[in-house]
Amino acid sequence: MGRFGVTEILVILAIILLLFGGRKIPELMKGLGTGIKEFKNAAKDENGHATSKKQDENKA
């Protein structure tokens, strides 16, 4: 339990195709990709700020 087989994945993809239609799926994937990209950039920026704060404290 917890593992998806090929059949389950195909059924899920078929349901998504029926719900959203063929034209909406590329738009959904583009939005998802943009969201993931922004999240990664925000996480990277947050790590950079934390590192620079530590360096500033060490200098003082």
PDB file of N, CA and C in Angstrom:
ATOM      1  N   MET A   1       0.844  -1.172   0.000  1.00  0.00           N
ATOM      2  CA  MET A   1       0.000   0.000   0.000  1.00  0.00           C
ATOM      3  C   MET A   1       0.892   1.239   0.000  1.00  0.00           C
ATOM      4  N   GLY A   2       0.500   2.247  -0.732  1.00  0.00           N
ATOM      5  CA  GLY A   2       1.301   3.463  -0.784  1.00  0.00           C
ATOM      6  C   GLY A   2       2.064   3.586  -2.091  1.00  0.00           C
ATOM      7  N   ARG A   3       2.229   2.488  -2.781  1.00  0.00           N
ATOM      8  CA  ARG A   3       2.922   2.527  -4.069  1.00  0.00           C
ATOM      9  C   ARG A   3       1.888   2.522  -5.181  1.00  0.00           C
ATOM     10  N   PHE A   4       2.147   3.342  -6.183  1.00  0.00           N
ATOM     11  CA  PHE A   4       1.244   3.400  -7.318  1.00  0.00           C
ATOM     12  C   PHE A   4       1.828   2.588  -8.462  1.00  0.00           C
ATOM     13  N   GLY A   5       1.006   1.755  -9.044  1.00  0.00           N
ATOM     14  CA  GLY A   5       1.414   0.990 -10.208  1.00  0.00           C
ATOM     15  C   GLY A   5       1.078   1.766 -11.477  1.00  0.00           C
ATOM     16  N   VAL A   6       1.446   1.188 -12.590  1.00  0.00           N
ATOM     17  CA  VAL A   6       1.205   1.821 -13.886  1.00  0.00           C
ATOM     18  C   VAL A   6      -0.291   1.995 -14.126  1.00  0.00           C
ATOM     19  N   THR A   7      -1.070   1.008 -13.757  1.00  0.00           N
ATOM     20  CA  THR A   7      -2.513   1.067 -13.978  1.00  0.00           C
ATOM     21  C   THR A   7      -3.142   2.219 -13.199  1.00  0.00           C
ATOM     22  N   GLU A   8      -2.746   2.371 -11.939  1.00  0.00           N
ATOM     23  CA  GLU A   8      -3.304   3.444 -11.116  1.00  0.00           C
ATOM     24  C   GLU A   8      -2.952   4.816 -11.670  1.00  0.00           C
ATOM     25  N   ILE A   9      -1.713   4.962 -12.105  1.00  0.00           N
ATOM     26  CA  ILE A   9      -1.272   6.249 -12.666  1.00  0.00           C
ATOM     27  C   ILE A   9      -2.047   6.565 -13.944  1.00  0.00           C
ATOM     28  N   LEU A  10      -2.257   5.568 -14.793  1.00  0.00           N
ATOM     29  CA  LEU A  10      -3.017   5.790 -16.027  1.00  0.00           C
ATOM     30  C   LEU A  10      -4.464   6.168 -15.732  1.00  0.00           C
ATOM     31  N   VAL A  11      -5.061   5.550 -14.730  1.00  0.00           N
ATOM     32  CA  VAL A  11      -6.440   5.882 -14.356  1.00  0.00           C
ATOM     33  C   VAL A  11      -6.505   7.319 -13.845  1.00  0.00           C
ATOM     34  N   ILE A  12      -5.554   7.720 -13.005  1.00  0.00           N
ATOM     35  CA  ILE A  12      -5.520   9.092 -12.488  1.00  0.00           C
ATOM     36  C   ILE A  12      -5.355  10.089 -13.627  1.00  0.00           C
ATOM     37  N   LEU A  13      -4.447   9.808 -14.556  1.00  0.00           N
ATOM     38  CA  LEU A  13      -4.248  10.703 -15.704  1.00  0.00           C
ATOM     39  C   LEU A  13      -5.500  10.796 -16.575  1.00  0.00           C
ATOM     40  N   ALA A  14      -6.204   9.683 -16.754  1.00  0.00           N
ATOM     41  CA  ALA A  14      -7.441   9.694 -17.541  1.00  0.00           C
ATOM     42  C   ALA A  14      -8.504  10.548 -16.861  1.00  0.00           C
ATOM     43  N   ILE A  15      -8.602  10.446 -15.542  1.00  0.00           N
ATOM     44  CA  ILE A  15      -9.585  11.249 -14.807  1.00  0.00           C
ATOM     45  C   ILE A  15      -9.250  12.728 -14.921  1.00  0.00           C
ATOM     46  N   ILE A  16      -7.973  13.073 -14.794  1.00  0.00           N
ATOM     47  CA  ILE A  16      -7.552  14.474 -14.933  1.00  0.00           C
ATOM     48  C   ILE A  16      -7.883  14.986 -16.325  1.00  0.00           C
ATOM     49  N   LEU A  17      -7.625  14.167 -17.333  1.00  0.00           N
ATOM     50  CA  LEU A  17      -7.933  14.567 -18.710  1.00  0.00           C
ATOM     51  C   LEU A  17      -9.428  14.792 -18.891  1.00  0.00           C
ATOM     52  N   LEU A  18     -10.254  13.952 -18.296  1.00  0.00           N
ATOM     53  CA  LEU A  18     -11.700  14.122 -18.399  1.00  0.00           C
ATOM     54  C   LEU A  18     -12.179  15.374 -17.663  1.00  0.00           C
ATOM     55  N   LEU A  19     -11.589  15.650 -16.510  1.00  0.00           N
ATOM     56  CA  LEU A  19     -12.027  16.798 -15.722  1.00  0.00           C
ATOM     57  C   LEU A  19     -11.626  18.129 -16.348  1.00  0.00           C
ATOM     58  N   PHE A  20     -10.403  18.222 -16.800  1.00  0.00           N
ATOM     59  CA  PHE A  20      -9.890  19.514 -17.263  1.00  0.00           C
ATOM     60  C   PHE A  20      -9.874  19.667 -18.777  1.00  0.00           C
ATOM     61  N   GLY A  21      -9.878  18.601 -19.504  1.00  0.00           N
ATOM     62  CA  GLY A  21      -9.840  18.680 -20.954  1.00  0.00           C
ATOM     63  C   GLY A  21      -8.411  18.852 -21.455  1.00  0.00           C
ATOM     64  N   GLY A  22      -8.206  18.559 -22.711  1.00  0.00           N
ATOM     65  CA  GLY A  22      -6.870  18.590 -23.303  1.00  0.00           C
ATOM     66  C   GLY A  22      -6.264  19.972 -23.419  1.00  0.00           C
ATOM     67  N   ARG A  23      -7.069  20.987 -23.524  1.00  0.00           N
ATOM     68  CA  ARG A  23      -6.546  22.348 -23.717  1.00  0.00           C
ATOM     69  C   ARG A  23      -6.089  22.987 -22.416  1.00  0.00           C
ATOM     70  N   LYS A  24      -6.688  22.610 -21.307  1.00  0.00           N
ATOM     71  CA  LYS A  24      -6.360  23.229 -20.018  1.00  0.00           C
ATOM     72  C   LYS A  24      -5.107  22.641 -19.378  1.00  0.00           C
ATOM     73  N   ILE A  25      -4.783  21.395 -19.691  1.00  0.00           N
ATOM     74  CA  ILE A  25      -3.666  20.727 -19.023  1.00  0.00           C
ATOM     75  C   ILE A  25      -2.340  21.455 -19.237  1.00  0.00           C
ATOM     76  N   PRO A  26      -1.974  21.890 -20.447  1.00  0.00           N
ATOM     77  CA  PRO A  26      -0.713  22.626 -20.593  1.00  0.00           C
ATOM     78  C   PRO A  26      -0.677  23.911 -19.763  1.00  0.00           C
ATOM     79  N   GLU A  27      -1.802  24.598 -19.665  1.00  0.00           N
ATOM     80  CA  GLU A  27      -1.866  25.813 -18.846  1.00  0.00           C
ATOM     81  C   GLU A  27      -1.663  25.480 -17.371  1.00  0.00           C
ATOM     82  N   LEU A  28      -2.267  24.390 -16.914  1.00  0.00           N
ATOM     83  CA  LEU A  28      -2.102  23.968 -15.519  1.00  0.00           C
ATOM     84  C   LEU A  28      -0.648  23.603 -15.224  1.00  0.00           C
ATOM     85  N   MET A  29      -0.018  22.885 -16.135  1.00  0.00           N
ATOM     86  CA  MET A  29       1.371  22.477 -15.932  1.00  0.00           C
ATOM     87  C   MET A  29       2.315  23.683 -15.954  1.00  0.00           C
ATOM     88  N   LYS A  30       2.018  24.652 -16.809  1.00  0.00           N
ATOM     89  CA  LYS A  30       2.834  25.867 -16.866  1.00  0.00           C
ATOM     90  C   LYS A  30       2.729  26.629 -15.541  1.00  0.00           C
ATOM     91  N   GLY A  31       1.525  26.745 -15.019  1.00  0.00           N
ATOM     92  CA  GLY A  31       1.328  27.413 -13.735  1.00  0.00           C
ATOM     93  C   GLY A  31       2.012  26.667 -12.603  1.00  0.00           C
ATOM     94  N   LEU A  32       1.938  25.356 -12.627  1.00  0.00           N
ATOM     95  CA  LEU A  32       2.591  24.541 -11.608  1.00  0.00           C
ATOM     96  C   LEU A  32       4.105  24.715 -11.672  1.00  0.00           C
ATOM     97  N   GLY A  33       4.653  24.698 -12.882  1.00  0.00           N
ATOM     98  CA  GLY A  33       6.097  24.886 -13.054  1.00  0.00           C
ATOM     99  C   GLY A  33       6.559  26.250 -12.586  1.00  0.00           C
ATOM    100  N   THR A  34       5.785  27.274 -12.876  1.00  0.00           N
ATOM    101  CA  THR A  34       6.115  28.629 -12.428  1.00  0.00           C
ATOM    102  C   THR A  34       6.080  28.710 -10.908  1.00  0.00           C
ATOM    103  N   GLY A  35       5.100  28.093 -10.302  1.00  0.00           N
ATOM    104  CA  GLY A  35       5.000  28.096  -8.846  1.00  0.00           C
ATOM    105  C   GLY A  35       6.177  27.396  -8.188  1.00  0.00           C
ATOM    106  N   ILE A  36       6.584  26.256  -8.731  1.00  0.00           N
ATOM    107  CA  ILE A  36       7.728  25.528  -8.187  1.00  0.00           C
ATOM    108  C   ILE A  36       9.006  26.341  -8.343  1.00  0.00           C
ATOM    109  N   LYS A  37       9.156  26.992  -9.483  1.00  0.00           N
ATOM    110  CA  LYS A  37      10.336  27.820  -9.743  1.00  0.00           C
ATOM    111  C   LYS A  37      10.419  28.979  -8.749  1.00  0.00           C
ATOM    112  N   GLU A  38       9.295  29.641  -8.510  1.00  0.00           N
ATOM    113  CA  GLU A  38       9.258  30.752  -7.555  1.00  0.00           C
ATOM    114  C   GLU A  38       9.552  30.265  -6.137  1.00  0.00           C
ATOM    115  N   PHE A  39       9.045  29.097  -5.790  1.00  0.00           N
ATOM    116  CA  PHE A  39       9.290  28.530  -4.456  1.00  0.00           C
ATOM    117  C   PHE A  39      10.777  28.233  -4.271  1.00  0.00           C
ATOM    118  N   LYS A  40      11.412  27.654  -5.287  1.00  0.00           N
ATOM    119  CA  LYS A  40      12.841  27.354  -5.197  1.00  0.00           C
ATOM    120  C   LYS A  40      13.654  28.632  -5.074  1.00  0.00           C
ATOM    121  N   ASN A  41      13.292  29.658  -5.853  1.00  0.00           N
ATOM    122  CA  ASN A  41      14.011  30.934  -5.771  1.00  0.00           C
ATOM    123  C   ASN A  41      13.840  31.569  -4.396  1.00  0.00           C
ATOM    124  N   ALA A  42      12.651  31.499  -3.842  1.00  0.00           N
ATOM    125  CA  ALA A  42      12.413  32.070  -2.515  1.00  0.00           C
ATOM    126  C   ALA A  42      13.200  31.309  -1.455  1.00  0.00           C
ATOM    127  N   ALA A  43      13.255  29.993  -1.579  1.00  0.00           N
ATOM    128  CA  ALA A  43      14.010  29.187  -0.619  1.00  0.00           C
ATOM    129  C   ALA A  43      15.500  29.492  -0.731  1.00  0.00           C
ATOM    130  N   LYS A  44      15.981  29.666  -1.940  1.00  0.00           N
ATOM    131  CA  LYS A  44      17.392  29.975  -2.144  1.00  0.00           C
ATOM    132  C   LYS A  44      17.720  31.360  -1.580  1.00  0.00           C
ATOM    133  N   ASP A  45      16.843  32.330  -1.809  1.00  0.00           N
ATOM    134  CA  ASP A  45      17.050  33.679  -1.288  1.00  0.00           C
ATOM    135  C   ASP A  45      17.030  33.675   0.237  1.00  0.00           C
ATOM    136  N   GLU A  46      16.139  32.896   0.828  1.00  0.00           N
ATOM    137  CA  GLU A  46      16.043  32.825   2.286  1.00  0.00           C
ATOM    138  C   GLU A  46      17.328  32.250   2.870  1.00  0.00           C
ATOM    139  N   ASN A  47      17.873  31.232   2.232  1.00  0.00           N
ATOM    140  CA  ASN A  47      19.129  30.649   2.703  1.00  0.00           C
ATOM    141  C   ASN A  47      20.268  31.643   2.561  1.00  0.00           C
ATOM    142  N   GLY A  48      20.275  32.424   1.518  1.00  0.00           N
ATOM    143  CA  GLY A  48      21.307  33.433   1.315  1.00  0.00           C
ATOM    144  C   GLY A  48      21.250  34.510   2.369  1.00  0.00           C
ATOM    145  N   HIS A  49      20.038  34.926   2.753  1.00  0.00           N
ATOM    146  CA  HIS A  49      19.894  35.954   3.783  1.00  0.00           C
ATOM    147  C   HIS A  49      20.354  35.434   5.139  1.00  0.00           C
ATOM    148  N   ALA A  50      20.052  34.189   5.437  1.00  0.00           N
ATOM    149  CA  ALA A  50      20.454  33.622   6.727  1.00  0.00           C
ATOM    150  C   ALA A  50      21.976  33.520   6.807  1.00  0.00           C
ATOM    151  N   THR A  51      22.622  33.150   5.707  1.00  0.00           N
ATOM    152  CA  THR A  51      24.076  33.039   5.689  1.00  0.00           C
ATOM    153  C   THR A  51      24.723  34.407   5.840  1.00  0.00           C
ATOM    154  N   SER A  52      24.185  35.413   5.147  1.00  0.00           N
ATOM    155  CA  SER A  52      24.782  36.743   5.234  1.00  0.00           C
ATOM    156  C   SER A  52      24.604  37.350   6.627  1.00  0.00           C
ATOM    157  N   LYS A  53      23.507  37.035   7.313  1.00  0.00           N
ATOM    158  CA  LYS A  53      23.296  37.521   8.671  1.00  0.00           C
ATOM    159  C   LYS A  53      24.359  36.956   9.619  1.00  0.00           C
ATOM    160  N   LYS A  54      24.642  35.655   9.463  1.00  0.00           N
ATOM    161  CA  LYS A  54      25.639  35.004  10.301  1.00  0.00           C
ATOM    162  C   LYS A  54      27.028  35.611  10.041  1.00  0.00           C
ATOM    163  N   GLN A  55      27.332  35.911   8.799  1.00  0.00           N
ATOM    164  CA  GLN A  55      28.626  36.507   8.464  1.00  0.00           C
ATOM    165  C   GLN A  55      28.735  37.899   9.067  1.00  0.00           C
ATOM    166  N   ASP A  56      27.645  38.665   9.028  1.00  0.00           N
ATOM    167  CA  ASP A  56      27.647  40.021   9.615  1.00  0.00           C
ATOM    168  C   ASP A  56      27.852  39.948  11.119  1.00  0.00           C
ATOM    169  N   GLU A  57      27.251  38.964  11.780  1.00  0.00           N
ATOM    170  CA  GLU A  57      27.399  38.824  13.229  1.00  0.00           C
ATOM    171  C   GLU A  57      28.825  38.421  13.587  1.00  0.00           C
ATOM    172  N   ASN A  58      29.451  37.617  12.754  1.00  0.00           N
ATOM    173  CA  ASN A  58      30.815  37.191  13.022  1.00  0.00           C
ATOM    174  C   ASN A  58      31.814  38.343  12.851  1.00  0.00           C
ATOM    175  N   LYS A  59      31.511  39.271  11.967  1.00  0.00           N
ATOM    176  CA  LYS A  59      32.387  40.422  11.731  1.00  0.00           C
ATOM    177  C   LYS A  59      32.354  41.394  12.903  1.00  0.00           C
ATOM    178  N   ALA A  60      31.203  41.503  13.544  1.00  0.00           N
ATOM    179  CA  ALA A  60      31.025  42.476  14.648  1.00  0.00           C
ATOM    180  C   ALA A  60      31.639  42.034  15.935  1.00  0.00           C
TER     181      ALA A  60
END
